[in-house]
Protein backbone atom coordinates (compact mmCIF):
# COMPACT_ATOMS: atom_id res chain seq x y z
CA MET A 1 -25.24 -53.31 20.11
CA PRO A 2 -24.62 -50.83 17.66
CA ASP A 3 -24.95 -46.85 19.08
CA PRO A 4 -27.59 -45.78 17.55
CA THR A 5 -26.29 -42.25 17.99
CA PRO A 6 -25.97 -41.26 13.59
CA ALA A 7 -22.43 -40.42 13.07
CA PRO A 8 -21.76 -36.58 12.35
CA PRO A 9 -21.78 -35.69 8.56
CA ARG A 10 -18.16 -35.60 6.91
CA GLY A 11 -15.95 -32.55 7.97
CA HIS A 12 -18.44 -31.93 10.58
CA ARG A 13 -16.12 -30.51 13.51
CA SER A 14 -17.13 -31.59 17.18
CA LEU A 15 -17.76 -29.28 19.80
CA TRP A 16 -14.15 -29.36 21.22
CA GLY A 17 -12.63 -28.97 17.99
CA THR A 18 -14.35 -25.79 17.54
CA ALA A 19 -13.47 -24.58 21.33
CA ARG A 20 -10.19 -25.54 20.11
CA GLY A 21 -10.38 -23.45 16.55
CA ALA A 22 -11.59 -20.57 18.42
CA LEU A 23 -9.13 -20.39 21.48
CA GLN A 24 -5.99 -21.00 18.93
CA ARG A 25 -7.61 -18.13 17.29
CA PHE A 26 -7.51 -16.13 20.37
CA ARG A 27 -4.07 -16.72 20.63
CA ARG A 28 -2.61 -15.30 17.47
CA ARG A 29 0.02 -13.29 18.19
CA THR A 30 -0.66 -9.50 18.98
CA VAL A 31 2.65 -8.26 18.55
CA ARG A 32 5.31 -8.97 16.03
CA THR A 33 8.67 -6.98 15.94
CA ARG A 34 11.26 -6.64 12.93
CA GLN A 35 14.53 -4.58 13.19
CA ALA A 36 16.33 -3.05 10.60
CA GLU A 37 19.42 -1.17 11.80
CA ASP A 38 17.93 1.83 14.16
CA HIS A 39 14.15 1.70 12.31
CA VAL A 40 12.31 -1.08 14.63
CA VAL A 41 8.65 -2.10 13.23
CA VAL A 42 6.44 -3.66 15.58
CA ARG A 43 3.11 -4.83 14.38
CA LEU A 44 -0.11 -4.66 16.33
CA SER A 45 -3.19 -6.83 15.07
CA GLY A 46 -6.46 -7.65 16.51
CA GLU A 47 -7.98 -6.15 19.76
CA ILE A 48 -5.48 -4.04 22.37
CA THR A 49 -7.65 -4.25 25.24
CA ALA A 50 -7.13 -4.29 29.29
CA THR A 51 -6.71 -8.79 28.20
CA ASN A 52 -3.54 -8.51 25.98
CA ALA A 53 -2.68 -5.14 27.17
CA GLU A 54 0.31 -6.43 29.70
CA ARG A 55 2.02 -8.91 26.17
CA VAL A 56 1.31 -5.15 24.43
CA GLY A 57 3.50 -3.19 26.48
CA LYS A 58 6.49 -5.71 26.83
CA GLY A 59 5.98 -6.19 23.41
CA LEU A 60 6.79 -2.50 22.78
CA ARG A 61 9.90 -2.53 25.84
CA ASN A 62 11.59 -4.99 23.97
CA ALA A 63 11.35 -2.98 20.63
CA LEU A 64 13.01 -0.46 22.91
CA ARG A 65 16.31 -2.30 24.27
CA THR A 66 18.55 -1.73 21.51
CA HIS A 67 17.82 2.01 21.92
CA PRO A 68 16.80 2.73 18.06
CA ARG A 69 16.38 5.95 16.67
CA ILE A 70 13.02 4.89 15.47
CA VAL A 71 9.84 2.85 16.72
CA GLU A 72 7.11 1.99 14.52
CA VAL A 73 4.28 1.02 15.65
CA ASP A 74 1.91 -0.51 12.55
CA LEU A 75 -1.72 -0.92 13.59
CA GLN A 76 -2.88 -1.94 10.35
CA ARG A 77 -4.14 -5.28 11.64
CA VAL A 78 -6.04 -3.57 14.73
CA THR A 79 -9.45 -3.98 14.99
CA PHE A 80 -10.00 -2.22 17.98
CA MET A 81 -8.09 -0.58 20.63
CA ALA A 82 -9.76 0.30 24.66
CA SER A 83 -8.79 3.24 26.28
CA ASP A 84 -7.28 0.09 29.06
CA GLY A 85 -5.28 -1.24 26.22
CA GLY A 86 -3.66 1.92 25.08
CA ARG A 87 -2.58 2.55 28.67
CA ALA A 88 0.07 -0.30 27.48
CA PHE A 89 2.06 2.26 25.12
CA LEU A 90 2.67 4.67 27.71
CA PRO A 91 5.85 3.19 29.27
CA ALA A 92 7.06 2.41 26.24
CA LEU A 93 6.56 5.91 25.63
CA LEU A 94 8.08 6.82 28.50
CA ARG A 95 10.94 4.96 28.04
CA ALA A 96 11.57 6.08 24.35
CA GLN A 97 11.55 9.58 25.67
CA ARG A 98 14.13 8.75 27.83
CA TYR A 99 16.21 7.38 24.97
CA GLY A 100 15.74 9.81 21.85
CA THR A 101 13.72 7.66 20.33
CA ARG A 102 10.64 8.58 18.21
CA VAL A 103 7.55 6.45 17.86
CA ILE A 104 5.72 6.74 14.93
CA VAL A 105 1.99 4.85 14.66
CA THR A 106 1.32 3.82 11.24
CA HIS A 107 -2.04 2.93 10.27
CA ALA A 108 -3.90 4.65 12.84
CA SER A 109 -7.86 4.86 12.56
CA ALA A 110 -9.71 6.77 13.10
CA GLN A 111 -10.56 4.46 16.64
CA ALA A 112 -7.35 4.68 17.48
CA ARG A 113 -6.49 7.60 16.91
CA THR A 114 -9.67 8.85 19.11
CA THR A 115 -8.10 6.49 22.09
CA PHE A 116 -4.77 8.05 22.13
CA GLN A 117 -6.34 11.54 22.42
CA ARG A 118 -8.67 10.70 24.88
CA LEU A 119 -5.57 9.17 26.50
CA GLY A 120 -3.12 12.08 26.28
CA LEU A 121 -1.15 10.59 24.34
CA THR A 122 -1.45 12.52 20.81
CA HIS A 123 1.65 14.72 21.70
CA LEU A 124 3.68 11.95 22.55
CA LEU A 125 2.67 9.95 19.41
CA ASP A 126 4.13 11.13 15.78
CA ILE A 127 0.71 9.40 14.00
CA HIS A 128 -0.13 8.67 10.79
CA GLU A 129 -3.60 7.16 8.61
CA GLU A 130 -1.24 5.68 6.19
CA GLY A 131 2.36 4.13 6.43
CA ALA A 132 4.84 5.84 7.53
CA PRO A 133 6.83 8.88 5.69
CA GLU A 134 9.61 8.06 4.12
CA ASN A 135 13.39 8.14 5.79
CA GLY A 136 11.12 8.57 9.42
CA THR A 137 10.45 12.19 8.66
CA PRO A 138 7.09 14.14 9.29
CA ASP A 139 5.01 14.91 6.70
CA SER A 140 2.83 17.84 6.09
CA GLN A 141 -0.42 15.45 6.18
CA SER A 142 -0.02 14.17 9.54
CA PRO A 143 -2.50 15.06 11.58
C-alpha cells in the first residue's frame, strides 16, 4: 500500500536538515588568527559570551605564543559581547603585559567598548572604532 503522506515540496529541508544547518552556523569559528612578523591579528566573530569565552581566551593566548610586539584584535564581525565573554580577554591581557606586547582592539562597537569599560579593561587596551593605526602607533582619534 503506498504512503498517504504527501512528499515534501522540492527544495524543502527536513527538520533534521534545518537543525543540522543551524548547528553548523553555531559552530562556526569564532577566532581566526593571522601572523606577520611581530604583528598578530586575531579576528573574532559572532557573539562573545560565557558559552565561547574559553575558546576566545585560548585563541588570544595562542596569539601571544611568539611574543609579538603587537596583537590586534579585530571585532568587526562581533555582533555582541557579554561581560562574561569579555572576561576572556583578561588572562591574555595579563600575559601580553608581561611580554611587553601592545594589544590593539579594532572595529570596536559602542556596545563592545562599553563592555570593556565596565570590566575595567580600557586601560590595558588601545581601542579603535575603525581599523588599526598605521605602523601600530596610536592616533589622536582613539577614544
